[in-house]
Amino acid sequence: MGPPPTHARDVATGARREGSVLIVEADPAERGRFGAWLERAGFEVLTCPGPTEPDYTCLGSRGRACPLAAEADIVVLDMSLDSEAVVIGTPAEELLGLYLLAGHRVVVLGSRPGEEIPGRLTRVRRHPDWTELAEAVRALARADEDGPPAGEPPA
């Protein structure tokens, strides 16, 4: 299971922070927009473009831990990464598996429906609006506060 949510106060504003979110999104404009939305919602935001040139692989697919994911309570993963477009390197499905196996809670942005895991994995359409994204992340943050999902032992 991932680290517990952090409910620290922002040093500059004194506002309550709801935890940390890693946004894995290839499009820099969307990455910035999603990050700004989640920061406004009270989350600390880390961003990553996903696997990029030259080989489109990430540390996780090389058997190493991702330092950004290690700092995040929740991961927002767009399934349309650059590695998907060029069909080499680390596919988005593999990244999803790596995040879930590491105990992260994940919001998947995709155009295809898929299975969800209550409290661990939720799916939202690609290019969500502010409300859809914030609600999905908050729901997973609340699930983390409420303890492990059904059928999972406490840490």
Protein backbone atom coordinates (compact mmCIF):
# COMPACT_ATOMS: atom_id res chain seq x y z
CA MET A 1 0.00 0.00 0.00
CA GLY A 2 1.21 3.54 -0.75
CA PRO A 3 2.11 6.09 1.88
CA PRO A 4 -0.70 7.52 4.00
CA PRO A 5 -2.20 10.79 2.80
CA THR A 6 -0.43 13.90 3.96
CA HIS A 7 -2.64 16.55 5.45
CA ALA A 8 0.02 19.17 5.94
CA ARG A 9 -0.49 22.89 5.71
CA ASP A 10 1.00 24.87 2.85
CA VAL A 11 3.83 26.91 4.36
CA ALA A 12 3.07 30.02 2.26
CA THR A 13 -0.74 30.11 2.56
CA GLY A 14 -1.56 28.00 5.61
CA ALA A 15 -4.11 26.11 3.50
CA ARG A 16 -4.65 22.44 4.23
CA ARG A 17 -2.98 20.09 1.74
CA GLU A 18 -4.95 17.00 0.82
CA GLY A 19 -2.04 14.75 -0.16
CA SER A 20 0.20 14.38 -3.17
CA VAL A 21 -0.69 13.47 -6.74
CA LEU A 22 1.61 12.41 -9.57
CA ILE A 23 0.22 13.36 -12.99
CA VAL A 24 1.64 11.20 -15.80
CA GLU A 25 0.52 12.99 -18.96
CA ALA A 26 2.37 13.37 -22.28
CA ASP A 27 0.66 16.60 -23.35
CA PRO A 28 2.35 19.53 -21.57
CA ALA A 29 -0.74 21.77 -21.77
CA GLU A 30 -2.99 19.14 -20.19
CA ARG A 31 -0.32 18.24 -17.64
CA GLY A 32 -0.17 21.90 -16.58
CA ARG A 33 -3.95 22.33 -16.57
CA PHE A 34 -4.55 19.19 -14.51
CA GLY A 35 -1.78 20.19 -12.13
CA ALA A 36 -3.24 23.67 -11.60
CA TRP A 37 -6.71 22.21 -10.99
CA LEU A 38 -5.46 19.73 -8.40
CA GLU A 39 -3.29 22.33 -6.67
CA ARG A 40 -6.38 24.55 -6.37
CA ALA A 41 -8.19 21.55 -4.88
CA GLY A 42 -5.52 21.38 -2.16
CA PHE A 43 -3.21 18.66 -3.46
CA GLU A 44 0.56 18.80 -3.80
CA VAL A 45 1.27 18.02 -7.46
CA LEU A 46 4.18 16.25 -9.12
CA THR A 47 4.25 15.88 -12.92
CA CYS A 48 5.84 13.53 -15.41
CA PRO A 49 5.52 13.29 -19.22
CA GLY A 50 5.72 9.50 -19.07
CA PRO A 51 8.21 7.50 -21.12
CA THR A 52 10.00 9.72 -23.67
CA GLU A 53 12.79 9.60 -26.21
CA PRO A 54 15.16 8.03 -26.96
CA ASP A 55 13.87 4.59 -25.87
CA TYR A 56 10.48 5.48 -24.33
CA THR A 57 11.09 3.43 -21.20
CA CYS A 58 10.71 4.41 -17.57
CA LEU A 59 12.61 3.40 -14.45
CA GLY A 60 9.87 1.04 -13.33
CA SER A 61 10.12 -1.07 -16.46
CA ARG A 62 13.87 -1.34 -15.82
CA GLY A 63 13.29 -2.81 -12.37
CA ARG A 64 13.95 0.44 -10.51
CA ALA A 65 11.61 2.49 -8.34
CA CYS A 66 10.24 5.73 -9.76
CA PRO A 67 11.29 8.56 -7.42
CA LEU A 68 8.24 10.65 -8.38
CA ALA A 69 5.76 7.84 -7.73
CA ALA A 70 7.46 7.15 -4.39
CA GLU A 71 6.44 10.66 -3.28
CA ALA A 72 2.81 10.40 -4.45
CA ASP A 73 -0.30 9.22 -2.63
CA ILE A 74 -2.27 8.99 -5.89
CA VAL A 75 -1.25 8.69 -9.56
CA VAL A 76 -3.26 10.19 -12.44
CA LEU A 77 -2.23 8.23 -15.55
CA ASP A 78 -3.23 9.18 -19.10
CA MET A 79 -3.23 5.98 -21.13
CA SER A 80 -2.27 7.87 -24.34
CA LEU A 81 1.44 8.30 -23.67
CA ASP A 82 4.18 8.93 -26.24
CA SER A 83 5.32 5.30 -25.89
CA GLU A 84 1.84 4.25 -27.06
CA ALA A 85 2.04 6.50 -30.13
CA VAL A 86 5.42 5.13 -31.29
CA VAL A 87 4.66 1.56 -30.10
CA ILE A 88 8.02 1.07 -28.37
CA GLY A 89 9.20 1.29 -24.79
CA THR A 90 6.99 1.09 -21.72
CA PRO A 91 3.29 0.81 -22.58
CA ALA A 92 0.73 2.61 -20.44
CA GLU A 93 -0.82 -0.71 -19.33
CA GLU A 94 2.56 -1.78 -17.94
CA LEU A 95 2.90 1.52 -16.05
CA LEU A 96 -0.60 1.01 -14.64
CA GLY A 97 0.40 -2.45 -13.42
CA LEU A 98 3.62 -1.13 -11.88
CA TYR A 99 1.76 1.61 -9.99
CA LEU A 100 -0.89 -0.80 -8.71
CA LEU A 101 1.67 -3.42 -7.66
CA ALA A 102 3.57 -0.70 -5.77
CA GLY A 103 0.37 -0.01 -3.81
CA HIS A 104 -0.60 3.28 -5.42
CA ARG A 105 -4.16 4.40 -5.94
CA VAL A 106 -4.63 5.33 -9.61
CA VAL A 107 -7.00 7.49 -11.65
CA VAL A 108 -6.80 6.30 -15.26
CA LEU A 109 -7.63 8.73 -18.05
CA GLY A 110 -8.68 6.78 -21.11
CA SER A 111 -11.10 6.46 -23.96
CA ARG A 112 -11.91 2.78 -23.38
CA PRO A 113 -13.92 1.38 -20.49
CA GLY A 114 -12.21 -1.04 -18.18
CA GLU A 115 -12.37 -2.71 -14.82
CA GLU A 116 -12.22 -0.59 -11.68
CA ILE A 117 -10.98 -1.62 -8.25
CA PRO A 118 -12.92 0.16 -5.50
CA GLY A 119 -10.61 2.38 -3.49
CA ARG A 120 -7.60 1.60 -5.71
CA LEU A 121 -8.38 2.20 -9.40
CA THR A 122 -10.94 4.45 -10.99
CA ARG A 123 -11.40 5.36 -14.65
CA VAL A 124 -12.32 8.74 -16.09
CA ARG A 125 -12.66 9.71 -19.74
CA ARG A 126 -9.69 11.42 -21.39
CA HIS A 127 -9.71 15.23 -21.29
CA PRO A 128 -11.84 15.41 -18.13
CA ASP A 129 -13.22 18.65 -16.86
CA TRP A 130 -12.08 20.07 -13.53
CA THR A 131 -14.96 18.55 -11.55
CA GLU A 132 -14.53 15.01 -12.92
CA LEU A 133 -10.81 14.95 -12.20
CA ALA A 134 -10.99 16.55 -8.76
CA GLU A 135 -13.85 14.26 -7.66
CA ALA A 136 -12.02 11.12 -8.83
CA VAL A 137 -8.82 12.10 -7.00
CA ARG A 138 -10.70 13.13 -3.85
CA ALA A 139 -12.60 9.82 -3.82
CA LEU A 140 -9.33 7.86 -3.87
CA ALA A 141 -7.85 10.16 -1.21
CA ARG A 142 -10.89 9.49 1.00
CA ALA A 143 -10.56 5.75 0.37
CA ASP A 144 -6.98 5.99 1.65
CA GLU A 145 -8.19 7.73 4.81
CA ASP A 146 -10.92 5.14 5.38
CA GLY A 147 -8.40 2.31 5.40
CA PRO A 148 -7.66 -0.48 2.93
CA PRO A 149 -10.22 -1.53 0.33
CA ALA A 150 -12.46 -4.47 1.19
CA GLY A 151 -10.54 -7.72 1.21
CA GLU A 152 -7.17 -6.05 1.83
CA PRO A 153 -5.59 -6.38 5.29
CA PRO A 154 -4.66 -3.24 7.23
CA ALA A 155 -1.04 -2.11 6.97
